[in-house]
N, C-alpha and C. Protein backbone atom coordinates (compact mmCIF):
# COMPACT_ATOMS: atom_id res chain seq x y z
N MET A 1 241.11 218.14 57.63
CA MET A 1 240.98 219.35 58.45
C MET A 1 242.16 220.27 58.15
N THR A 2 241.89 221.54 57.87
CA THR A 2 242.96 222.47 57.56
C THR A 2 243.73 222.85 58.81
N ASN A 3 244.94 223.43 58.57
CA ASN A 3 245.76 223.86 59.71
C ASN A 3 245.06 224.93 60.52
N VAL A 4 244.31 225.84 59.84
CA VAL A 4 243.60 226.90 60.55
C VAL A 4 242.53 226.30 61.46
N THR A 5 241.78 225.32 60.93
CA THR A 5 240.75 224.67 61.73
C THR A 5 241.35 223.93 62.90
N MET A 6 242.46 223.23 62.65
CA MET A 6 243.12 222.49 63.73
C MET A 6 243.61 223.44 64.81
N THR A 7 244.16 224.60 64.41
CA THR A 7 244.65 225.57 65.38
C THR A 7 243.51 226.11 66.22
N ALA A 8 242.37 226.44 65.56
CA ALA A 8 241.21 226.95 66.29
C ALA A 8 240.69 225.92 67.27
N THR A 9 240.60 224.66 66.82
CA THR A 9 240.13 223.59 67.71
C THR A 9 241.04 223.43 68.90
N THR A 10 242.35 223.46 68.67
CA THR A 10 243.31 223.33 69.76
C THR A 10 243.19 224.48 70.73
N SER A 11 243.04 225.70 70.21
CA SER A 11 242.93 226.88 71.08
C SER A 11 241.68 226.81 71.94
N ARG A 12 240.57 226.37 71.36
CA ARG A 12 239.34 226.28 72.14
C ARG A 12 239.42 225.16 73.17
N GLN A 13 240.11 224.09 72.83
CA GLN A 13 240.29 223.02 73.81
C GLN A 13 241.14 223.50 74.97
N LYS A 14 242.13 224.34 74.69
CA LYS A 14 242.96 224.91 75.77
C LYS A 14 242.13 225.80 76.68
N ILE A 15 241.22 226.57 76.08
CA ILE A 15 240.34 227.40 76.90
C ILE A 15 239.46 226.54 77.80
N LEU A 16 238.88 225.47 77.23
CA LEU A 16 238.04 224.58 78.03
C LEU A 16 238.83 223.91 79.14
N THR A 17 240.05 223.50 78.82
CA THR A 17 240.90 222.86 79.83
C THR A 17 241.23 223.83 80.95
N TYR A 18 241.54 225.07 80.59
CA TYR A 18 241.88 226.09 81.60
C TYR A 18 240.68 226.37 82.49
N LEU A 19 239.50 226.53 81.89
CA LEU A 19 238.30 226.80 82.68
C LEU A 19 237.93 225.61 83.57
N HIS A 20 238.19 224.41 83.08
CA HIS A 20 237.95 223.22 83.91
C HIS A 20 238.87 223.23 85.13
N ARG A 21 240.09 223.66 84.93
CA ARG A 21 241.07 223.66 86.02
C ARG A 21 240.86 224.83 86.98
N GLN A 22 240.53 226.01 86.45
CA GLN A 22 240.44 227.21 87.26
C GLN A 22 239.00 227.59 87.66
N SER A 23 238.03 226.88 87.15
CA SER A 23 236.60 227.11 87.42
C SER A 23 236.03 228.29 86.65
N ALA A 24 236.75 229.42 86.59
CA ALA A 24 236.25 230.60 85.89
C ALA A 24 237.41 231.54 85.59
N ALA A 25 237.20 232.40 84.60
CA ALA A 25 238.24 233.37 84.23
C ALA A 25 237.65 234.43 83.32
N THR A 26 238.26 235.61 83.32
CA THR A 26 237.88 236.64 82.36
C THR A 26 238.64 236.42 81.06
N ALA A 27 238.24 237.13 80.02
CA ALA A 27 238.94 237.03 78.74
C ALA A 27 240.39 237.49 78.89
N THR A 28 240.60 238.52 79.70
CA THR A 28 241.97 239.02 79.93
C THR A 28 242.83 237.97 80.60
N GLU A 29 242.27 237.30 81.60
CA GLU A 29 243.02 236.24 82.29
C GLU A 29 243.32 235.08 81.35
N LEU A 30 242.38 234.74 80.51
CA LEU A 30 242.61 233.65 79.55
C LEU A 30 243.69 234.02 78.55
N ALA A 31 243.63 235.26 78.04
CA ALA A 31 244.64 235.69 77.07
C ALA A 31 246.03 235.67 77.69
N ARG A 32 246.12 236.10 78.92
CA ARG A 32 247.42 236.12 79.60
C ARG A 32 247.92 234.71 79.87
N ALA A 33 247.03 233.84 80.33
CA ALA A 33 247.44 232.49 80.69
C ALA A 33 247.82 231.66 79.47
N LEU A 34 247.09 231.85 78.37
CA LEU A 34 247.33 231.04 77.17
C LEU A 34 248.26 231.71 76.17
N ARG A 35 248.67 232.95 76.49
CA ARG A 35 249.62 233.69 75.67
C ARG A 35 249.12 233.90 74.24
N VAL A 36 247.89 234.36 74.16
CA VAL A 36 247.32 234.74 72.88
C VAL A 36 246.73 236.14 73.00
N THR A 37 246.38 236.74 71.90
CA THR A 37 245.86 238.10 71.94
C THR A 37 244.44 238.12 72.48
N PRO A 38 244.03 239.23 73.12
CA PRO A 38 242.64 239.34 73.59
C PRO A 38 241.63 239.17 72.47
N ALA A 39 241.98 239.65 71.26
CA ALA A 39 241.06 239.50 70.12
C ALA A 39 240.84 238.03 69.78
N ASP A 40 241.91 237.25 69.80
CA ASP A 40 241.78 235.81 69.53
C ASP A 40 240.92 235.13 70.59
N ILE A 41 241.14 235.49 71.85
CA ILE A 41 240.37 234.90 72.94
C ILE A 41 238.89 235.24 72.79
N ARG A 42 238.59 236.48 72.48
CA ARG A 42 237.19 236.87 72.31
C ARG A 42 236.54 236.11 71.16
N HIS A 43 237.30 235.91 70.07
CA HIS A 43 236.77 235.14 68.93
C HIS A 43 236.45 233.71 69.34
N HIS A 44 237.40 233.05 70.02
CA HIS A 44 237.18 231.66 70.42
C HIS A 44 236.06 231.55 71.46
N LEU A 45 235.99 232.52 72.37
CA LEU A 45 234.93 232.50 73.38
C LEU A 45 233.55 232.66 72.73
N SER A 46 233.46 233.49 71.70
CA SER A 46 232.17 233.67 71.02
C SER A 46 231.71 232.37 70.38
N ARG A 47 232.65 231.62 69.82
CA ARG A 47 232.30 230.33 69.23
C ARG A 47 231.91 229.31 70.29
N LEU A 48 232.64 229.31 71.40
CA LEU A 48 232.33 228.38 72.48
C LEU A 48 230.98 228.70 73.12
N LEU A 49 230.66 230.00 73.21
CA LEU A 49 229.34 230.40 73.71
C LEU A 49 228.25 229.93 72.76
N ALA A 50 228.47 230.11 71.47
CA ALA A 50 227.48 229.69 70.47
C ALA A 50 227.27 228.19 70.48
N ASP A 51 228.33 227.43 70.78
CA ASP A 51 228.25 225.97 70.81
C ASP A 51 227.70 225.44 72.13
N GLY A 52 227.46 226.34 73.08
CA GLY A 52 226.91 225.93 74.37
C GLY A 52 227.90 225.27 75.30
N LEU A 53 229.20 225.46 75.05
CA LEU A 53 230.22 224.84 75.89
C LEU A 53 230.69 225.76 77.01
N VAL A 54 230.48 227.06 76.83
CA VAL A 54 230.90 228.06 77.81
C VAL A 54 229.73 228.99 78.07
N GLU A 55 229.66 229.52 79.28
CA GLU A 55 228.62 230.48 79.62
C GLU A 55 229.21 231.61 80.45
N VAL A 56 228.50 232.73 80.50
CA VAL A 56 228.93 233.87 81.33
C VAL A 56 228.38 233.66 82.73
N GLY A 57 229.29 233.60 83.70
CA GLY A 57 228.88 233.31 85.07
C GLY A 57 228.73 234.53 85.95
N GLY A 58 229.07 235.71 85.45
CA GLY A 58 228.96 236.92 86.25
C GLY A 58 229.88 238.00 85.71
N LEU A 59 230.05 239.05 86.52
CA LEU A 59 230.90 240.17 86.15
C LEU A 59 231.89 240.44 87.26
N ARG A 60 233.07 240.91 86.88
CA ARG A 60 234.10 241.23 87.86
C ARG A 60 234.72 242.58 87.48
N ARG A 61 234.77 243.47 88.44
CA ARG A 61 235.39 244.77 88.22
C ARG A 61 236.82 244.74 88.73
N GLU A 62 237.76 245.07 87.89
CA GLU A 62 239.17 245.07 88.27
C GLU A 62 239.56 246.49 88.66
N GLY A 63 239.83 246.70 89.94
CA GLY A 63 240.14 248.03 90.43
C GLY A 63 238.88 248.83 90.69
N ASN A 64 239.04 250.10 91.00
CA ASN A 64 237.91 250.97 91.33
C ASN A 64 237.26 251.59 90.10
N ARG A 65 237.96 251.56 88.98
CA ARG A 65 237.42 252.18 87.77
C ARG A 65 237.41 251.18 86.62
N GLY A 66 236.78 251.60 85.57
CA GLY A 66 236.72 250.74 84.40
C GLY A 66 235.46 249.88 84.39
N ARG A 67 235.11 249.45 83.22
CA ARG A 67 233.91 248.64 83.10
C ARG A 67 234.17 247.22 83.60
N PRO A 68 233.14 246.58 84.10
CA PRO A 68 233.33 245.21 84.61
C PRO A 68 233.61 244.24 83.47
N HIS A 69 234.33 243.17 83.79
CA HIS A 69 234.68 242.14 82.82
C HIS A 69 233.80 240.91 83.04
N LYS A 70 233.40 240.31 81.94
CA LYS A 70 232.61 239.09 82.03
C LYS A 70 233.47 237.95 82.55
N ILE A 71 232.88 237.13 83.39
CA ILE A 71 233.55 235.94 83.91
C ILE A 71 232.99 234.73 83.16
N TYR A 72 233.87 233.97 82.55
CA TYR A 72 233.46 232.81 81.76
C TYR A 72 233.71 231.53 82.55
N ARG A 73 232.82 230.58 82.35
CA ARG A 73 232.97 229.27 82.98
C ARG A 73 232.39 228.21 82.05
N LEU A 74 232.69 226.96 82.33
CA LEU A 74 232.12 225.88 81.54
C LEU A 74 230.62 225.81 81.75
N SER A 75 229.90 225.52 80.68
CA SER A 75 228.46 225.32 80.81
C SER A 75 228.18 223.98 81.48
N ARG A 76 226.97 223.79 81.92
CA ARG A 76 226.63 222.53 82.58
C ARG A 76 226.82 221.32 81.67
N PRO A 77 226.39 221.39 80.38
CA PRO A 77 226.66 220.24 79.50
C PRO A 77 228.14 219.94 79.37
N ALA A 78 228.98 220.98 79.32
CA ALA A 78 230.42 220.75 79.18
C ALA A 78 231.01 220.15 80.44
N MET A 79 230.48 220.53 81.60
CA MET A 79 231.00 220.00 82.87
C MET A 79 230.56 218.56 83.09
N GLY A 80 229.37 218.21 82.51
CA GLY A 80 228.86 216.87 82.75
C GLY A 80 228.13 216.79 84.08
N ASP A 81 227.47 215.68 84.32
CA ASP A 81 226.76 215.47 85.57
C ASP A 81 226.63 213.98 85.84
N ASN A 82 225.99 213.64 86.93
CA ASN A 82 225.81 212.25 87.32
C ASN A 82 224.35 211.83 87.20
N LEU A 83 223.59 212.57 86.39
CA LEU A 83 222.15 212.29 86.28
C LEU A 83 221.84 210.91 85.72
N PRO A 84 222.56 210.40 84.70
CA PRO A 84 222.23 209.05 84.22
C PRO A 84 222.35 207.99 85.31
N ALA A 85 223.39 208.08 86.13
CA ALA A 85 223.56 207.11 87.20
C ALA A 85 222.45 207.23 88.24
N LEU A 86 222.10 208.47 88.57
CA LEU A 86 221.02 208.69 89.53
C LEU A 86 219.69 208.18 88.98
N ALA A 87 219.39 208.53 87.72
CA ALA A 87 218.13 208.10 87.12
C ALA A 87 218.06 206.58 87.05
N SER A 88 219.15 205.93 86.69
CA SER A 88 219.17 204.47 86.61
C SER A 88 218.94 203.84 87.98
N ALA A 89 219.57 204.40 89.01
CA ALA A 89 219.40 203.87 90.36
C ALA A 89 217.96 204.05 90.84
N LEU A 90 217.36 205.20 90.55
CA LEU A 90 215.97 205.44 90.95
C LEU A 90 215.02 204.49 90.22
N MET A 91 215.26 204.28 88.93
CA MET A 91 214.42 203.36 88.17
C MET A 91 214.55 201.94 88.71
N ALA A 92 215.77 201.53 89.02
CA ALA A 92 215.99 200.19 89.55
C ALA A 92 215.28 200.01 90.89
N GLU A 93 215.36 201.02 91.75
CA GLU A 93 214.70 200.96 93.05
C GLU A 93 213.19 200.85 92.88
N PHE A 94 212.65 201.62 91.95
CA PHE A 94 211.21 201.61 91.72
C PHE A 94 210.74 200.27 91.19
N PHE A 95 211.42 199.75 90.16
CA PHE A 95 210.96 198.51 89.54
C PHE A 95 211.18 197.30 90.43
N THR A 96 212.06 197.42 91.39
CA THR A 96 212.27 196.33 92.34
C THR A 96 211.13 196.25 93.34
N SER A 97 210.59 197.39 93.73
CA SER A 97 209.61 197.44 94.82
C SER A 97 208.16 197.48 94.36
N ALA A 98 207.90 197.91 93.12
CA ALA A 98 206.50 198.08 92.68
C ALA A 98 206.00 196.85 91.94
N PRO A 99 204.73 196.46 92.13
CA PRO A 99 204.15 195.36 91.35
C PRO A 99 203.99 195.77 89.89
N ASP A 100 203.79 194.79 89.02
CA ASP A 100 203.72 195.07 87.58
C ASP A 100 202.66 196.10 87.24
N GLU A 101 201.46 195.93 87.81
CA GLU A 101 200.39 196.86 87.47
C GLU A 101 200.70 198.28 87.98
N GLY A 102 201.39 198.34 89.10
CA GLY A 102 201.79 199.65 89.63
C GLY A 102 202.84 200.30 88.75
N GLN A 103 203.71 199.50 88.15
CA GLN A 103 204.74 200.04 87.26
C GLN A 103 204.11 200.66 86.02
N VAL A 104 203.14 199.98 85.44
CA VAL A 104 202.48 200.50 84.24
C VAL A 104 201.77 201.82 84.56
N ALA A 105 201.06 201.87 85.66
CA ALA A 105 200.37 203.10 86.05
C ALA A 105 201.36 204.23 86.30
N ALA A 106 202.49 203.88 86.90
CA ALA A 106 203.50 204.91 87.18
C ALA A 106 204.13 205.43 85.89
N LEU A 107 204.34 204.54 84.92
CA LEU A 107 204.89 204.98 83.64
C LEU A 107 203.92 205.91 82.91
N ARG A 108 202.62 205.66 83.06
CA ARG A 108 201.64 206.59 82.48
C ARG A 108 201.75 207.95 83.16
N ARG A 109 201.92 207.96 84.47
CA ARG A 109 202.03 209.23 85.18
C ARG A 109 203.32 209.95 84.80
N LEU A 110 204.40 209.18 84.62
CA LEU A 110 205.65 209.80 84.18
C LEU A 110 205.49 210.45 82.82
N ALA A 111 204.81 209.77 81.91
CA ALA A 111 204.58 210.32 80.58
C ALA A 111 203.79 211.63 80.66
N ASP A 112 202.77 211.65 81.52
CA ASP A 112 201.99 212.88 81.69
C ASP A 112 202.84 213.97 82.33
N GLY A 113 203.73 213.56 83.24
CA GLY A 113 204.52 214.55 83.97
C GLY A 113 205.61 215.22 83.15
N ILE A 114 206.20 214.49 82.20
CA ILE A 114 207.29 215.09 81.43
C ILE A 114 206.81 215.78 80.16
N SER A 115 205.53 215.63 79.83
CA SER A 115 205.02 216.24 78.60
C SER A 115 205.19 217.75 78.67
N SER A 116 205.74 218.34 77.60
CA SER A 116 206.07 219.77 77.62
C SER A 116 204.93 220.66 77.15
N ALA A 117 203.84 220.09 76.68
CA ALA A 117 202.72 220.89 76.19
C ALA A 117 201.45 220.07 76.26
N PRO A 118 200.31 220.72 76.49
CA PRO A 118 199.03 219.97 76.51
C PRO A 118 198.68 219.48 75.11
N PRO A 119 198.08 218.30 75.00
CA PRO A 119 197.69 217.79 73.67
C PRO A 119 196.53 218.57 73.09
N LEU A 120 196.40 218.50 71.77
CA LEU A 120 195.24 219.10 71.12
C LEU A 120 194.00 218.27 71.43
N PRO A 121 192.82 218.84 71.31
CA PRO A 121 191.60 218.07 71.57
C PRO A 121 191.51 216.86 70.64
N PRO A 122 190.92 215.75 71.10
CA PRO A 122 190.81 214.54 70.27
C PRO A 122 190.13 214.77 68.94
N GLY A 123 189.24 215.76 68.86
CA GLY A 123 188.53 216.02 67.63
C GLY A 123 189.35 216.76 66.58
N SER A 124 190.55 217.22 66.93
CA SER A 124 191.40 217.92 65.97
C SER A 124 191.85 216.97 64.87
N HIS A 125 192.10 217.53 63.69
CA HIS A 125 192.53 216.69 62.58
C HIS A 125 193.84 216.00 62.94
N ILE A 126 194.01 214.77 62.47
CA ILE A 126 195.16 213.96 62.87
C ILE A 126 196.49 214.63 62.48
N THR A 127 196.53 215.32 61.35
CA THR A 127 197.79 215.96 60.95
C THR A 127 198.16 217.08 61.91
N ARG A 128 197.16 217.78 62.43
CA ARG A 128 197.44 218.82 63.43
C ARG A 128 197.95 218.19 64.72
N ARG A 129 197.34 217.07 65.12
CA ARG A 129 197.79 216.40 66.34
C ARG A 129 199.20 215.84 66.17
N LEU A 130 199.50 215.31 65.00
CA LEU A 130 200.84 214.80 64.73
C LEU A 130 201.87 215.94 64.79
N ALA A 131 201.54 217.06 64.16
CA ALA A 131 202.47 218.19 64.16
C ALA A 131 202.70 218.71 65.57
N ALA A 132 201.64 218.80 66.36
CA ALA A 132 201.77 219.28 67.74
C ALA A 132 202.58 218.30 68.58
N ALA A 133 202.36 216.99 68.36
CA ALA A 133 203.12 215.98 69.10
C ALA A 133 204.60 216.07 68.76
N VAL A 134 204.92 216.22 67.48
CA VAL A 134 206.33 216.33 67.06
C VAL A 134 206.97 217.56 67.69
N GLU A 135 206.26 218.68 67.69
CA GLU A 135 206.80 219.90 68.29
C GLU A 135 207.10 219.71 69.77
N ALA A 136 206.15 219.08 70.48
CA ALA A 136 206.34 218.84 71.92
C ALA A 136 207.49 217.87 72.16
N LEU A 137 207.60 216.81 71.36
CA LEU A 137 208.66 215.83 71.52
C LEU A 137 210.03 216.44 71.26
N ASN A 138 210.12 217.32 70.28
CA ASN A 138 211.42 217.90 69.96
C ASN A 138 211.89 218.87 71.02
N LYS A 139 210.96 219.43 71.79
CA LYS A 139 211.36 220.24 72.94
C LYS A 139 211.99 219.37 74.02
N MET A 140 211.71 218.06 73.94
CA MET A 140 212.29 217.10 74.89
C MET A 140 213.43 216.30 74.26
N HIS A 141 213.93 216.78 73.11
CA HIS A 141 215.14 216.24 72.47
C HIS A 141 214.97 214.86 71.83
N TYR A 142 213.77 214.57 71.32
CA TYR A 142 213.57 213.29 70.64
C TYR A 142 213.98 213.33 69.17
N GLN A 143 214.18 214.52 68.60
CA GLN A 143 214.46 214.67 67.17
C GLN A 143 213.43 213.87 66.36
N ALA A 144 212.18 214.17 66.61
CA ALA A 144 211.07 213.41 66.04
C ALA A 144 210.54 214.03 64.76
N HIS A 145 209.94 213.19 63.93
CA HIS A 145 209.16 213.64 62.78
C HIS A 145 208.15 212.55 62.46
N TRP A 146 207.16 212.88 61.63
CA TRP A 146 206.20 211.87 61.26
C TRP A 146 206.18 211.71 59.75
N GLU A 147 205.80 210.51 59.31
CA GLU A 147 205.76 210.19 57.89
C GLU A 147 204.45 209.48 57.58
N ALA A 148 203.92 209.77 56.39
CA ALA A 148 202.74 209.05 55.93
C ALA A 148 203.14 207.63 55.53
N HIS A 149 202.21 206.69 55.73
CA HIS A 149 202.47 205.29 55.40
C HIS A 149 201.17 204.65 54.96
N ALA A 150 201.27 203.62 54.14
CA ALA A 150 200.07 202.96 53.63
C ALA A 150 199.17 202.46 54.75
N ALA A 151 199.78 202.00 55.85
CA ALA A 151 198.99 201.46 56.97
C ALA A 151 198.63 202.54 57.98
N GLY A 152 199.05 203.77 57.75
CA GLY A 152 198.77 204.85 58.68
C GLY A 152 200.03 205.60 59.04
N PRO A 153 199.91 206.81 59.62
CA PRO A 153 201.08 207.62 59.95
C PRO A 153 202.03 206.91 60.93
N ARG A 154 203.29 207.23 60.77
CA ARG A 154 204.31 206.71 61.68
C ARG A 154 205.13 207.85 62.25
N LEU A 155 205.49 207.72 63.52
CA LEU A 155 206.35 208.69 64.17
C LEU A 155 207.73 208.08 64.35
N ILE A 156 208.74 208.85 63.99
CA ILE A 156 210.12 208.37 64.05
C ILE A 156 210.90 209.24 65.03
N PHE A 157 211.55 208.58 65.98
CA PHE A 157 212.43 209.27 66.92
C PHE A 157 213.87 209.14 66.42
N GLY A 158 214.51 210.25 66.12
CA GLY A 158 215.90 210.21 65.69
C GLY A 158 216.87 210.13 66.84
N GLN A 159 216.37 210.32 68.05
CA GLN A 159 217.24 210.23 69.23
C GLN A 159 216.43 209.72 70.41
N CYS A 160 217.07 208.90 71.22
CA CYS A 160 216.47 208.47 72.49
C CYS A 160 217.07 209.34 73.60
N PRO A 161 216.28 210.21 74.24
CA PRO A 161 216.82 211.06 75.29
C PRO A 161 217.31 210.28 76.51
N TYR A 162 216.95 208.99 76.56
CA TYR A 162 217.32 208.15 77.72
C TYR A 162 218.32 207.07 77.30
N ALA A 163 219.07 207.35 76.25
CA ALA A 163 220.00 206.35 75.71
C ALA A 163 221.00 205.86 76.75
N ALA A 164 221.35 206.73 77.71
CA ALA A 164 222.34 206.36 78.71
C ALA A 164 221.85 205.26 79.65
N ILE A 165 220.52 205.09 79.75
CA ILE A 165 220.00 204.09 80.71
C ILE A 165 218.99 203.14 80.07
N ILE A 166 218.68 203.32 78.79
CA ILE A 166 217.60 202.53 78.19
C ILE A 166 217.91 201.03 78.17
N ALA A 167 219.18 200.66 78.04
CA ALA A 167 219.54 199.24 78.00
C ALA A 167 219.17 198.56 79.32
N ASP A 168 219.33 199.27 80.43
CA ASP A 168 219.01 198.70 81.74
C ASP A 168 217.53 198.85 82.07
N HIS A 169 216.84 199.80 81.41
CA HIS A 169 215.44 200.06 81.75
C HIS A 169 214.61 200.19 80.47
N PRO A 170 214.42 199.09 79.75
CA PRO A 170 213.66 199.13 78.49
C PRO A 170 212.20 199.52 78.67
N ALA A 171 211.71 199.49 79.91
CA ALA A 171 210.32 199.90 80.16
C ALA A 171 210.09 201.36 79.81
N LEU A 172 211.16 202.14 79.67
CA LEU A 172 211.00 203.54 79.28
C LEU A 172 210.39 203.66 77.88
N CYS A 173 210.54 202.61 77.06
CA CYS A 173 209.88 202.61 75.75
C CYS A 173 208.36 202.63 75.92
N LEU A 174 207.87 201.96 76.96
CA LEU A 174 206.43 201.97 77.24
C LEU A 174 206.01 203.38 77.65
N MET A 175 206.86 204.07 78.39
CA MET A 175 206.57 205.46 78.74
C MET A 175 206.45 206.32 77.48
N ASP A 176 207.35 206.09 76.51
CA ASP A 176 207.28 206.83 75.25
C ASP A 176 205.96 206.55 74.52
N LYS A 177 205.53 205.30 74.55
CA LYS A 177 204.24 204.93 73.94
C LYS A 177 203.10 205.71 74.61
N PHE A 178 203.10 205.75 75.94
CA PHE A 178 202.06 206.49 76.65
C PHE A 178 202.15 207.99 76.36
N LEU A 179 203.37 208.48 76.21
CA LEU A 179 203.57 209.89 75.90
C LEU A 179 202.93 210.24 74.55
N LEU A 180 203.17 209.39 73.56
CA LEU A 180 202.57 209.60 72.24
C LEU A 180 201.06 209.49 72.28
N GLU A 181 200.55 208.47 72.97
CA GLU A 181 199.11 208.29 73.04
C GLU A 181 198.43 209.47 73.72
N GLY A 182 199.10 210.05 74.69
CA GLY A 182 198.54 211.22 75.35
C GLY A 182 198.43 212.41 74.41
N HIS A 183 199.41 212.57 73.54
CA HIS A 183 199.39 213.70 72.60
C HIS A 183 198.47 213.45 71.41
N LEU A 184 198.34 212.21 71.01
CA LEU A 184 197.56 211.90 69.81
C LEU A 184 196.13 211.48 70.10
N SER A 185 195.85 211.19 71.37
CA SER A 185 194.51 210.69 71.75
C SER A 185 194.14 209.48 70.91
N GLN A 186 195.12 208.61 70.70
CA GLN A 186 194.93 207.44 69.83
C GLN A 186 196.00 206.40 70.20
N PRO A 187 195.65 205.11 70.17
CA PRO A 187 196.65 204.08 70.49
C PRO A 187 197.79 204.06 69.47
N VAL A 188 198.99 203.74 69.96
CA VAL A 188 200.14 203.59 69.07
C VAL A 188 200.84 202.27 69.39
N GLU A 189 201.60 201.80 68.44
CA GLU A 189 202.35 200.54 68.60
C GLU A 189 203.80 200.79 68.21
N GLN A 190 204.75 200.31 69.03
CA GLN A 190 206.16 200.48 68.69
C GLN A 190 206.59 199.41 67.70
N LEU A 191 207.14 199.85 66.56
CA LEU A 191 207.58 198.93 65.51
C LEU A 191 209.08 198.70 65.51
N ALA A 192 209.84 199.65 66.00
CA ALA A 192 211.30 199.52 65.98
C ALA A 192 211.88 200.24 67.19
N LYS A 193 212.92 199.65 67.75
CA LYS A 193 213.60 200.23 68.91
C LYS A 193 215.09 200.33 68.61
N LEU A 194 215.55 201.55 68.42
CA LEU A 194 216.96 201.84 68.15
C LEU A 194 217.51 200.95 67.04
N GLU A 195 216.71 200.79 65.99
CA GLU A 195 217.16 200.04 64.81
C GLU A 195 217.83 200.99 63.83
N ARG A 196 218.79 200.48 63.05
CA ARG A 196 219.53 201.32 62.11
C ARG A 196 218.69 201.60 60.87
N ASN A 197 218.63 202.89 60.50
CA ASN A 197 217.93 203.23 59.27
C ASN A 197 218.88 203.14 58.08
N GLU A 198 218.45 203.61 56.92
CA GLU A 198 219.27 203.49 55.72
C GLU A 198 220.57 204.29 55.81
N ARG A 199 220.60 205.26 56.70
CA ARG A 199 221.82 206.05 56.91
C ARG A 199 222.71 205.48 58.01
N GLY A 200 222.25 204.37 58.60
CA GLY A 200 223.02 203.74 59.67
C GLY A 200 222.81 204.34 61.04
N LEU A 201 221.78 205.19 61.18
CA LEU A 201 221.52 205.85 62.45
C LEU A 201 220.42 205.12 63.23
N PRO A 202 220.53 205.02 64.55
CA PRO A 202 219.51 204.31 65.34
C PRO A 202 218.25 205.14 65.47
N ILE A 203 217.11 204.53 65.19
CA ILE A 203 215.82 205.22 65.31
C ILE A 203 214.81 204.33 66.02
N CYS A 204 213.78 204.96 66.57
CA CYS A 204 212.62 204.25 67.12
C CYS A 204 211.41 204.64 66.27
N VAL A 205 210.55 203.68 65.99
CA VAL A 205 209.40 203.93 65.12
C VAL A 205 208.12 203.49 65.83
N PHE A 206 207.13 204.37 65.80
CA PHE A 206 205.82 204.08 66.36
C PHE A 206 204.75 204.29 65.29
N ALA A 207 203.76 203.42 65.26
CA ALA A 207 202.68 203.51 64.28
C ALA A 207 201.37 203.73 64.99
N LEU A 208 200.53 204.56 64.39
CA LEU A 208 199.17 204.76 64.92
C LEU A 208 198.33 203.52 64.60
N ARG A 209 197.51 203.11 65.54
CA ARG A 209 196.64 201.95 65.32
C ARG A 209 195.21 202.39 65.13
């Protein structure tokens, strides 16, 4: 890493630290507090905005005249949340109280509920259904794609959106199966769960049956 890159990284980390401590600030306040030029602050803020770490939370007018100044704050992803713990607790409560058959039915309903787009009609060509399924899955952060295979098409998930809780609640893989079947109008079988591919990255693999 070059000295310029290290300096930029350090400066942006200082901005994030300041916003974490102060909740919000204008570019002028940041420049004054961190003792850098307004131009440098605006440059770093533009990069932080592009990276999704900072967002504009409103406008503030200083004095009776002059244009209002943007107020910057940490984005929700940068601030973090307690959603994994909440989701894990809710799943644990559900699986403790529901019978097995009720759990399966509920996972089907969950799959229908989180789907971001309606599936194509069953009569559509399989490649169209695969493409539509991949598009819908990627809106839900699965980093999915499909590949042709001698035994039939396979869908590969490059990311598990539930990685934070999947170890405690492996039944979510069944929800993914139902999610795929809903989009493809065809049964699928899970072949791999967070197994390392040739690049050493964890993937999940599903095959059409």
